[in-house]
Amino acid sequence: MDAYVALGLIGQQEVAQALGVNVTDLTCLGHVLGAGESPCPPGTWPNASTSPPAP
């Protein structure tokens, strides 16, 4: 199992390098693309019934 996790991290790093971004930015991009056609506007919390976690 550890080998699969390690391979996933290496693959993610290689994709990030190929795109010229860091792994954090790549993860962010994945979440934005996963939001589909109606992403949340900046500065809003996705579920209005809950508050964002405290920093």
N, C-alpha and C. Protein backbone atom coordinates (compact mmCIF):
# COMPACT_ATOMS: atom_id res chain seq x y z
N MET A 1 0.82 -1.19 0.00
CA MET A 1 0.00 0.00 0.00
C MET A 1 0.87 1.26 0.00
N ASP A 2 1.95 1.23 0.78
CA ASP A 2 2.84 2.39 0.83
C ASP A 2 3.43 2.69 -0.55
N ALA A 3 3.70 1.64 -1.32
CA ALA A 3 4.27 1.84 -2.65
C ALA A 3 3.28 2.57 -3.56
N TYR A 4 2.00 2.26 -3.43
CA TYR A 4 0.98 2.93 -4.26
C TYR A 4 0.86 4.41 -3.89
N VAL A 5 0.93 4.70 -2.60
CA VAL A 5 0.87 6.09 -2.15
C VAL A 5 2.09 6.85 -2.67
N ALA A 6 3.26 6.24 -2.56
CA ALA A 6 4.49 6.87 -3.04
C ALA A 6 4.44 7.11 -4.54
N LEU A 7 3.95 6.13 -5.29
CA LEU A 7 3.85 6.30 -6.74
C LEU A 7 2.86 7.40 -7.09
N GLY A 8 1.78 7.51 -6.34
CA GLY A 8 0.81 8.57 -6.58
C GLY A 8 1.41 9.95 -6.36
N LEU A 9 2.20 10.07 -5.29
CA LEU A 9 2.84 11.36 -5.00
C LEU A 9 3.87 11.72 -6.05
N ILE A 10 4.63 10.73 -6.50
CA ILE A 10 5.63 10.97 -7.55
C ILE A 10 4.93 11.37 -8.84
N GLY A 11 3.86 10.68 -9.18
CA GLY A 11 3.11 11.02 -10.39
C GLY A 11 2.53 12.42 -10.32
N GLN A 12 2.01 12.78 -9.15
CA GLN A 12 1.44 14.12 -8.99
C GLN A 12 2.53 15.18 -9.15
N GLN A 13 3.71 14.92 -8.61
CA GLN A 13 4.83 15.86 -8.73
C GLN A 13 5.25 16.02 -10.18
N GLU A 14 5.28 14.91 -10.92
CA GLU A 14 5.68 14.96 -12.33
C GLU A 14 4.66 15.74 -13.17
N VAL A 15 3.38 15.55 -12.90
CA VAL A 15 2.35 16.30 -13.63
C VAL A 15 2.47 17.78 -13.32
N ALA A 16 2.68 18.10 -12.04
CA ALA A 16 2.83 19.51 -11.65
C ALA A 16 4.02 20.14 -12.34
N GLN A 17 5.14 19.43 -12.39
CA GLN A 17 6.32 19.95 -13.08
C GLN A 17 6.05 20.17 -14.56
N ALA A 18 5.35 19.23 -15.17
CA ALA A 18 5.06 19.35 -16.60
C ALA A 18 4.18 20.57 -16.90
N LEU A 19 3.30 20.92 -15.94
CA LEU A 19 2.42 22.07 -16.11
C LEU A 19 3.06 23.37 -15.63
N GLY A 20 4.20 23.26 -14.97
CA GLY A 20 4.88 24.45 -14.48
C GLY A 20 4.27 25.03 -13.22
N VAL A 21 3.63 24.20 -12.41
CA VAL A 21 3.03 24.65 -11.15
C VAL A 21 3.54 23.76 -10.02
N ASN A 22 3.24 24.15 -8.77
CA ASN A 22 3.61 23.26 -7.66
C ASN A 22 2.45 22.32 -7.35
N VAL A 23 2.69 21.36 -6.47
CA VAL A 23 1.69 20.33 -6.18
C VAL A 23 0.45 20.94 -5.53
N THR A 24 0.63 21.95 -4.69
CA THR A 24 -0.51 22.60 -4.04
C THR A 24 -1.40 23.27 -5.08
N ASP A 25 -0.79 23.97 -6.03
CA ASP A 25 -1.57 24.62 -7.08
C ASP A 25 -2.28 23.59 -7.95
N LEU A 26 -1.63 22.46 -8.20
CA LEU A 26 -2.24 21.39 -8.99
C LEU A 26 -3.47 20.83 -8.26
N THR A 27 -3.35 20.66 -6.95
CA THR A 27 -4.48 20.16 -6.16
C THR A 27 -5.63 21.16 -6.20
N CYS A 28 -5.30 22.44 -6.07
CA CYS A 28 -6.32 23.50 -6.15
C CYS A 28 -7.02 23.46 -7.50
N LEU A 29 -6.25 23.36 -8.55
CA LEU A 29 -6.80 23.29 -9.90
C LEU A 29 -7.75 22.09 -10.03
N GLY A 30 -7.37 20.98 -9.46
CA GLY A 30 -8.24 19.80 -9.49
C GLY A 30 -9.57 20.03 -8.82
N HIS A 31 -9.56 20.74 -7.69
CA HIS A 31 -10.81 21.05 -7.00
C HIS A 31 -11.67 22.01 -7.82
N VAL A 32 -11.03 23.00 -8.43
CA VAL A 32 -11.78 23.96 -9.25
C VAL A 32 -12.41 23.25 -10.44
N LEU A 33 -11.63 22.40 -11.11
CA LEU A 33 -12.17 21.67 -12.26
C LEU A 33 -13.26 20.69 -11.83
N GLY A 34 -13.10 20.11 -10.64
CA GLY A 34 -14.10 19.18 -10.13
C GLY A 34 -15.40 19.84 -9.74
N ALA A 35 -15.38 21.15 -9.56
CA ALA A 35 -16.60 21.88 -9.17
C ALA A 35 -17.61 21.93 -10.31
N GLY A 36 -17.17 21.65 -11.50
CA GLY A 36 -18.08 21.63 -12.63
C GLY A 36 -18.37 23.00 -13.17
N GLU A 37 -19.57 23.16 -13.68
CA GLU A 37 -19.94 24.41 -14.35
C GLU A 37 -20.38 25.50 -13.38
N SER A 38 -20.62 25.16 -12.13
CA SER A 38 -21.10 26.18 -11.19
C SER A 38 -20.25 26.19 -9.92
N PRO A 39 -18.99 26.62 -10.02
CA PRO A 39 -18.16 26.68 -8.81
C PRO A 39 -18.64 27.79 -7.88
N CYS A 40 -18.26 27.70 -6.62
CA CYS A 40 -18.62 28.72 -5.63
C CYS A 40 -17.92 30.02 -5.99
N PRO A 41 -18.59 31.13 -5.82
CA PRO A 41 -17.91 32.42 -6.02
C PRO A 41 -16.82 32.61 -4.96
N PRO A 42 -15.78 33.35 -5.26
CA PRO A 42 -14.72 33.57 -4.28
C PRO A 42 -15.28 34.20 -3.01
N GLY A 43 -14.78 33.75 -1.87
CA GLY A 43 -15.18 34.33 -0.59
C GLY A 43 -16.45 33.78 0.00
N THR A 44 -17.05 32.76 -0.63
CA THR A 44 -18.27 32.16 -0.08
C THR A 44 -17.98 30.75 0.39
N TRP A 45 -18.78 30.29 1.30
CA TRP A 45 -18.66 28.92 1.80
C TRP A 45 -19.68 28.06 1.06
N PRO A 46 -19.28 26.86 0.61
CA PRO A 46 -20.19 26.04 -0.22
C PRO A 46 -21.52 25.69 0.43
N ASN A 47 -21.55 25.51 1.73
CA ASN A 47 -22.79 25.13 2.39
C ASN A 47 -23.22 26.27 3.31
N ALA A 48 -24.25 26.97 2.96
CA ALA A 48 -24.66 28.16 3.71
C ALA A 48 -25.10 27.84 5.14
N SER A 49 -25.43 26.57 5.44
CA SER A 49 -25.91 26.25 6.76
C SER A 49 -24.77 26.06 7.76
N THR A 50 -23.53 26.03 7.29
CA THR A 50 -22.39 25.89 8.17
C THR A 50 -21.40 27.02 7.94
N SER A 51 -20.57 27.24 8.91
CA SER A 51 -19.54 28.27 8.79
C SER A 51 -18.22 27.61 8.39
N PRO A 52 -17.32 28.35 7.78
CA PRO A 52 -16.02 27.79 7.45
C PRO A 52 -15.24 27.50 8.74
N PRO A 53 -14.31 26.58 8.68
CA PRO A 53 -13.52 26.28 9.88
C PRO A 53 -12.68 27.49 10.29
N ALA A 54 -12.48 27.63 11.59
CA ALA A 54 -11.65 28.73 12.10
C ALA A 54 -10.20 28.50 11.70
N PRO A 55 -9.47 29.55 11.39
CA PRO A 55 -8.06 29.38 11.01
C PRO A 55 -7.20 28.93 12.17
